[in-house]
Amino acid sequence: MKLSQIVLRLARNPGYPEGDHDQGYVIVAPLDSEARLDVAAWRDVKSHCTVRRFNGEKDISDGLLTHRGSHWYFHYDEEDEGHGSDSDGGVELIHEEHYHTADDCTCECGLPVEEVEA
């Protein structure tokens, strides 16, 4: 199973009119043929699907990519990591129906990272 590196960077918004290339997330996960997160493949390799939040050169938090219903979440392994946490200590990434409408980040998808056995 091939895993890819997906980099999400802070896009333009009222607080950052030019965006911020130095803030964002790095996700390692399987992608399908349309470069979307692949739920079926994720189920087989979920322990290898990680997320790292960064701000400049500093890693702020790390954890796992999780999926519930039609939502993807970041689940941080320490209580004080992340921001906007839900009751399970996760941060919602995106609802699958709105996959292509994320306005708060820019995405660099599909960089191969590693192959893992399912």
N, C-alpha and C. Protein backbone atom coordinates (compact mmCIF):
# COMPACT_ATOMS: atom_id res chain seq x y z
N MET A 1 0.85 -1.18 0.00
CA MET A 1 0.00 0.00 0.00
C MET A 1 0.89 1.23 0.00
N LYS A 2 0.71 2.11 -0.95
CA LYS A 2 1.50 3.34 -1.02
C LYS A 2 0.84 4.43 -0.19
N LEU A 3 1.65 5.07 0.65
CA LEU A 3 1.19 6.23 1.41
C LEU A 3 1.75 7.48 0.77
N SER A 4 0.99 8.55 0.85
CA SER A 4 1.41 9.84 0.28
C SER A 4 1.50 10.88 1.37
N GLN A 5 2.30 11.89 1.12
CA GLN A 5 2.40 13.04 2.02
C GLN A 5 1.54 14.16 1.46
N ILE A 6 0.64 14.67 2.28
CA ILE A 6 -0.23 15.78 1.90
C ILE A 6 0.12 16.95 2.82
N VAL A 7 0.45 18.08 2.24
CA VAL A 7 0.81 19.26 3.03
C VAL A 7 -0.30 20.30 2.87
N LEU A 8 -0.91 20.68 3.98
CA LEU A 8 -1.93 21.72 4.00
C LEU A 8 -1.30 22.96 4.61
N ARG A 9 -1.35 24.08 3.90
CA ARG A 9 -0.76 25.33 4.39
C ARG A 9 -1.86 26.36 4.57
N LEU A 10 -1.70 27.22 5.57
CA LEU A 10 -2.69 28.24 5.86
C LEU A 10 -2.85 29.18 4.66
N ALA A 11 -4.07 29.27 4.15
CA ALA A 11 -4.37 30.14 3.01
C ALA A 11 -4.81 31.52 3.50
N ARG A 12 -5.10 32.38 2.56
CA ARG A 12 -5.54 33.74 2.92
C ARG A 12 -6.82 33.69 3.74
N ASN A 13 -6.88 34.56 4.74
CA ASN A 13 -8.07 34.71 5.57
C ASN A 13 -7.96 36.07 6.25
N PRO A 14 -9.00 36.54 6.96
CA PRO A 14 -8.94 37.88 7.54
C PRO A 14 -7.72 38.11 8.45
N GLY A 15 -7.30 37.11 9.19
CA GLY A 15 -6.15 37.27 10.07
C GLY A 15 -4.81 37.18 9.35
N TYR A 16 -4.81 36.56 8.17
CA TYR A 16 -3.60 36.37 7.37
C TYR A 16 -3.94 36.68 5.92
N PRO A 17 -4.00 37.96 5.54
CA PRO A 17 -4.43 38.32 4.19
C PRO A 17 -3.57 37.71 3.07
N GLU A 18 -2.34 37.36 3.37
CA GLU A 18 -1.46 36.72 2.38
C GLU A 18 -1.32 35.23 2.64
N GLY A 19 -2.04 34.69 3.63
CA GLY A 19 -1.85 33.31 4.03
C GLY A 19 -0.57 33.20 4.84
N ASP A 20 -0.18 31.99 5.18
CA ASP A 20 1.08 31.78 5.89
C ASP A 20 1.64 30.43 5.50
N HIS A 21 2.65 30.46 4.65
CA HIS A 21 3.29 29.25 4.14
C HIS A 21 3.94 28.43 5.25
N ASP A 22 4.22 29.07 6.39
CA ASP A 22 4.92 28.40 7.48
C ASP A 22 3.99 27.77 8.52
N GLN A 23 2.67 27.84 8.31
CA GLN A 23 1.73 27.21 9.23
C GLN A 23 0.90 26.19 8.48
N GLY A 24 0.70 25.04 9.09
CA GLY A 24 -0.13 24.04 8.44
C GLY A 24 0.00 22.66 9.04
N TYR A 25 -0.31 21.68 8.20
CA TYR A 25 -0.32 20.27 8.60
C TYR A 25 0.36 19.43 7.53
N VAL A 26 1.01 18.36 7.98
CA VAL A 26 1.54 17.35 7.07
C VAL A 26 0.82 16.05 7.43
N ILE A 27 0.13 15.48 6.45
CA ILE A 27 -0.63 14.26 6.64
C ILE A 27 0.02 13.15 5.81
N VAL A 28 0.16 11.97 6.39
CA VAL A 28 0.61 10.80 5.65
C VAL A 28 -0.57 9.84 5.60
N ALA A 29 -1.02 9.54 4.36
CA ALA A 29 -2.23 8.73 4.20
C ALA A 29 -2.29 8.18 2.78
N PRO A 30 -3.12 7.15 2.55
CA PRO A 30 -3.32 6.65 1.18
C PRO A 30 -4.30 7.55 0.43
N LEU A 31 -4.04 7.73 -0.86
CA LEU A 31 -4.93 8.49 -1.73
C LEU A 31 -5.50 7.57 -2.80
N ASP A 32 -6.73 7.85 -3.24
CA ASP A 32 -7.32 7.07 -4.31
C ASP A 32 -6.89 7.64 -5.67
N SER A 33 -7.46 7.12 -6.75
CA SER A 33 -7.06 7.54 -8.10
C SER A 33 -7.43 8.99 -8.40
N GLU A 34 -8.32 9.59 -7.60
CA GLU A 34 -8.70 10.99 -7.78
C GLU A 34 -7.99 11.90 -6.77
N ALA A 35 -6.94 11.39 -6.14
CA ALA A 35 -6.15 12.13 -5.14
C ALA A 35 -6.97 12.53 -3.92
N ARG A 36 -7.97 11.73 -3.59
CA ARG A 36 -8.76 11.93 -2.37
C ARG A 36 -8.28 10.94 -1.31
N LEU A 37 -8.48 11.30 -0.04
CA LEU A 37 -8.17 10.35 1.02
C LEU A 37 -8.98 9.09 0.78
N ASP A 38 -8.34 7.94 0.86
CA ASP A 38 -8.95 6.65 0.54
C ASP A 38 -9.35 5.93 1.82
N VAL A 39 -10.65 5.94 2.14
CA VAL A 39 -11.17 5.35 3.38
C VAL A 39 -10.88 3.86 3.45
N ALA A 40 -11.15 3.13 2.37
CA ALA A 40 -10.95 1.68 2.38
C ALA A 40 -9.48 1.33 2.61
N ALA A 41 -8.59 2.01 1.94
CA ALA A 41 -7.16 1.75 2.12
C ALA A 41 -6.70 2.19 3.51
N TRP A 42 -7.24 3.30 4.01
CA TRP A 42 -6.89 3.79 5.33
C TRP A 42 -7.19 2.75 6.40
N ARG A 43 -8.31 2.05 6.28
CA ARG A 43 -8.69 1.03 7.27
C ARG A 43 -7.61 -0.03 7.43
N ASP A 44 -6.91 -0.35 6.34
CA ASP A 44 -5.88 -1.38 6.38
C ASP A 44 -4.55 -0.90 6.95
N VAL A 45 -4.31 0.42 6.91
CA VAL A 45 -2.99 0.95 7.32
C VAL A 45 -3.11 2.12 8.29
N LYS A 46 -4.22 2.22 9.01
CA LYS A 46 -4.47 3.43 9.80
C LYS A 46 -3.40 3.71 10.85
N SER A 47 -2.72 2.70 11.35
CA SER A 47 -1.67 2.97 12.34
C SER A 47 -0.47 3.70 11.73
N HIS A 48 -0.38 3.72 10.40
CA HIS A 48 0.70 4.42 9.69
C HIS A 48 0.28 5.81 9.21
N CYS A 49 -0.99 6.16 9.38
CA CYS A 49 -1.52 7.43 8.86
C CYS A 49 -1.41 8.50 9.93
N THR A 50 -0.45 9.38 9.75
CA THR A 50 -0.12 10.34 10.79
C THR A 50 -0.44 11.77 10.36
N VAL A 51 -0.46 12.65 11.34
CA VAL A 51 -0.63 14.08 11.10
C VAL A 51 0.37 14.82 11.98
N ARG A 52 0.94 15.88 11.42
CA ARG A 52 1.86 16.73 12.17
C ARG A 52 1.47 18.17 11.91
N ARG A 53 1.21 18.93 12.96
CA ARG A 53 0.89 20.35 12.83
C ARG A 53 2.18 21.14 13.02
N PHE A 54 2.43 22.10 12.13
CA PHE A 54 3.66 22.87 12.22
C PHE A 54 3.40 24.37 12.18
N ASN A 55 4.34 25.10 12.73
CA ASN A 55 4.33 26.56 12.71
C ASN A 55 5.78 26.99 12.58
N GLY A 56 6.18 27.35 11.38
CA GLY A 56 7.58 27.65 11.13
C GLY A 56 8.39 26.37 11.19
N GLU A 57 9.50 26.42 11.84
CA GLU A 57 10.37 25.25 11.96
C GLU A 57 9.93 24.33 13.10
N LYS A 58 8.98 24.77 13.90
CA LYS A 58 8.58 24.04 15.10
C LYS A 58 7.35 23.17 14.84
N ASP A 59 7.45 21.88 15.23
CA ASP A 59 6.29 21.01 15.22
C ASP A 59 5.49 21.29 16.49
N ILE A 60 4.22 21.64 16.30
CA ILE A 60 3.37 22.00 17.44
C ILE A 60 2.72 20.75 18.04
N SER A 61 2.29 19.84 17.19
CA SER A 61 1.62 18.65 17.68
C SER A 61 1.67 17.55 16.63
N ASP A 62 1.42 16.33 17.10
CA ASP A 62 1.40 15.19 16.19
C ASP A 62 0.36 14.19 16.68
N GLY A 63 -0.09 13.36 15.76
CA GLY A 63 -1.10 12.37 16.11
C GLY A 63 -1.43 11.50 14.93
N LEU A 64 -2.66 10.98 14.92
CA LEU A 64 -3.11 10.07 13.87
C LEU A 64 -4.28 10.65 13.10
N LEU A 65 -4.38 10.26 11.84
CA LEU A 65 -5.53 10.60 11.01
C LEU A 65 -6.60 9.55 11.29
N THR A 66 -7.81 9.99 11.64
CA THR A 66 -8.90 9.06 11.93
C THR A 66 -10.11 9.43 11.07
N HIS A 67 -11.05 8.50 11.02
CA HIS A 67 -12.25 8.68 10.20
C HIS A 67 -13.45 8.17 10.97
N ARG A 68 -14.54 8.97 10.95
CA ARG A 68 -15.80 8.60 11.59
C ARG A 68 -16.93 9.07 10.73
N GLY A 69 -17.82 8.17 10.34
CA GLY A 69 -18.94 8.56 9.47
C GLY A 69 -18.41 9.06 8.15
N SER A 70 -18.69 10.31 7.81
CA SER A 70 -18.16 10.90 6.58
C SER A 70 -17.17 12.02 6.89
N HIS A 71 -16.58 11.99 8.08
CA HIS A 71 -15.64 13.03 8.51
C HIS A 71 -14.26 12.44 8.78
N TRP A 72 -13.24 13.21 8.44
CA TRP A 72 -11.86 12.90 8.79
C TRP A 72 -11.49 13.77 9.98
N TYR A 73 -10.69 13.20 10.89
CA TYR A 73 -10.26 13.91 12.08
C TYR A 73 -8.77 13.73 12.31
N PHE A 74 -8.19 14.69 13.01
CA PHE A 74 -6.85 14.54 13.54
C PHE A 74 -7.03 14.16 15.01
N HIS A 75 -6.45 13.06 15.43
CA HIS A 75 -6.52 12.67 16.84
C HIS A 75 -5.13 12.82 17.43
N TYR A 76 -4.97 13.81 18.29
CA TYR A 76 -3.68 14.07 18.91
C TYR A 76 -3.52 13.18 20.12
N ASP A 77 -2.29 12.75 20.35
CA ASP A 77 -2.04 11.79 21.41
C ASP A 77 -1.83 12.42 22.79
N GLU A 78 -1.78 13.74 22.85
CA GLU A 78 -1.64 14.41 24.13
C GLU A 78 -2.76 15.44 24.27
N GLU A 79 -3.28 15.57 25.48
CA GLU A 79 -4.45 16.42 25.73
C GLU A 79 -4.26 17.87 25.32
N ASP A 80 -3.05 18.41 25.49
CA ASP A 80 -2.83 19.83 25.22
C ASP A 80 -2.42 20.11 23.77
N GLU A 81 -2.39 19.10 22.91
CA GLU A 81 -2.02 19.31 21.52
C GLU A 81 -3.23 19.73 20.70
N GLY A 82 -2.96 20.35 19.57
CA GLY A 82 -4.03 20.74 18.66
C GLY A 82 -4.78 21.95 19.18
N HIS A 83 -5.85 22.30 18.45
CA HIS A 83 -6.72 23.40 18.86
C HIS A 83 -8.09 23.09 18.32
N GLY A 84 -9.11 23.58 18.97
CA GLY A 84 -10.48 23.33 18.53
C GLY A 84 -10.88 21.88 18.69
N SER A 85 -10.36 21.23 19.73
CA SER A 85 -10.57 19.80 19.89
C SER A 85 -12.03 19.46 20.15
N ASP A 86 -12.46 18.31 19.62
CA ASP A 86 -13.80 17.81 19.93
C ASP A 86 -13.71 16.95 21.19
N SER A 87 -14.78 16.30 21.58
CA SER A 87 -14.82 15.57 22.83
C SER A 87 -13.89 14.36 22.84
N ASP A 88 -13.45 13.87 21.69
CA ASP A 88 -12.54 12.75 21.63
C ASP A 88 -11.09 13.18 21.46
N GLY A 89 -10.81 14.46 21.62
CA GLY A 89 -9.45 14.94 21.48
C GLY A 89 -9.01 15.09 20.04
N GLY A 90 -9.95 15.14 19.10
CA GLY A 90 -9.60 15.26 17.70
C GLY A 90 -9.99 16.61 17.14
N VAL A 91 -9.45 16.93 15.99
CA VAL A 91 -9.80 18.15 15.28
C VAL A 91 -10.37 17.73 13.94
N GLU A 92 -11.56 18.22 13.59
CA GLU A 92 -12.17 17.84 12.32
C GLU A 92 -11.37 18.43 11.17
N LEU A 93 -11.01 17.57 10.24
CA LEU A 93 -10.28 18.01 9.05
C LEU A 93 -11.25 18.48 8.00
N ILE A 94 -12.14 17.60 7.56
CA ILE A 94 -13.03 17.98 6.48
C ILE A 94 -14.15 16.94 6.35
N HIS A 95 -15.29 17.39 5.93
CA HIS A 95 -16.42 16.51 5.65
C HIS A 95 -16.28 16.07 4.20
N GLU A 96 -16.46 14.79 3.91
CA GLU A 96 -16.21 14.28 2.57
C GLU A 96 -17.03 14.97 1.49
N GLU A 97 -18.24 15.42 1.80
CA GLU A 97 -19.07 16.09 0.79
C GLU A 97 -18.47 17.42 0.35
N HIS A 98 -17.63 18.01 1.19
CA HIS A 98 -17.06 19.33 0.91
C HIS A 98 -15.56 19.24 0.66
N TYR A 99 -15.10 18.10 0.22
CA TYR A 99 -13.67 17.83 0.09
C TYR A 99 -12.93 18.88 -0.71
N HIS A 100 -13.51 19.38 -1.79
CA HIS A 100 -12.82 20.33 -2.65
C HIS A 100 -13.13 21.78 -2.32
N THR A 101 -13.80 22.06 -1.20
CA THR A 101 -14.18 23.43 -0.91
C THR A 101 -13.48 24.01 0.31
N ALA A 102 -12.38 23.41 0.74
CA ALA A 102 -11.66 23.94 1.90
C ALA A 102 -11.03 25.26 1.53
N ASP A 103 -11.53 26.34 2.12
CA ASP A 103 -11.04 27.68 1.79
C ASP A 103 -9.96 28.17 2.74
N ASP A 104 -9.69 27.40 3.81
CA ASP A 104 -8.74 27.90 4.80
C ASP A 104 -7.35 27.30 4.66
N CYS A 105 -7.08 26.59 3.57
CA CYS A 105 -5.76 26.03 3.39
C CYS A 105 -5.48 25.82 1.91
N THR A 106 -4.20 25.71 1.59
CA THR A 106 -3.79 25.29 0.26
C THR A 106 -3.19 23.90 0.41
N CYS A 107 -3.22 23.12 -0.62
CA CYS A 107 -2.84 21.71 -0.50
C CYS A 107 -1.80 21.33 -1.54
N GLU A 108 -0.79 20.59 -1.09
CA GLU A 108 0.18 19.96 -1.98
C GLU A 108 0.01 18.47 -1.78
N CYS A 109 -0.62 17.79 -2.72
CA CYS A 109 -0.99 16.39 -2.52
C CYS A 109 -0.12 15.43 -3.32
N GLY A 110 -0.07 14.22 -2.80
CA GLY A 110 0.40 13.10 -3.57
C GLY A 110 1.88 12.82 -3.58
N LEU A 111 2.67 13.47 -2.74
CA LEU A 111 4.08 13.16 -2.71
C LEU A 111 4.25 11.78 -2.09
N PRO A 112 4.84 10.80 -2.82
CA PRO A 112 4.97 9.46 -2.24
C PRO A 112 5.86 9.47 -1.01
N VAL A 113 5.46 8.74 0.00
CA VAL A 113 6.22 8.70 1.24
C VAL A 113 6.82 7.32 1.46
N GLU A 114 5.96 6.31 1.49
CA GLU A 114 6.43 4.97 1.78
C GLU A 114 5.40 3.95 1.34
N GLU A 115 5.83 2.72 1.29
CA GLU A 115 4.93 1.60 1.03
C GLU A 115 4.83 0.81 2.32
N VAL A 116 3.62 0.44 2.71
CA VAL A 116 3.42 -0.38 3.92
C VAL A 116 2.58 -1.58 3.54
N GLU A 117 2.74 -2.64 4.30
CA GLU A 117 1.93 -3.83 4.05
C GLU A 117 0.62 -3.70 4.77
N ALA A 118 -0.46 -4.02 4.07
CA ALA A 118 -1.80 -3.93 4.66
C ALA A 118 -2.12 -5.18 5.42
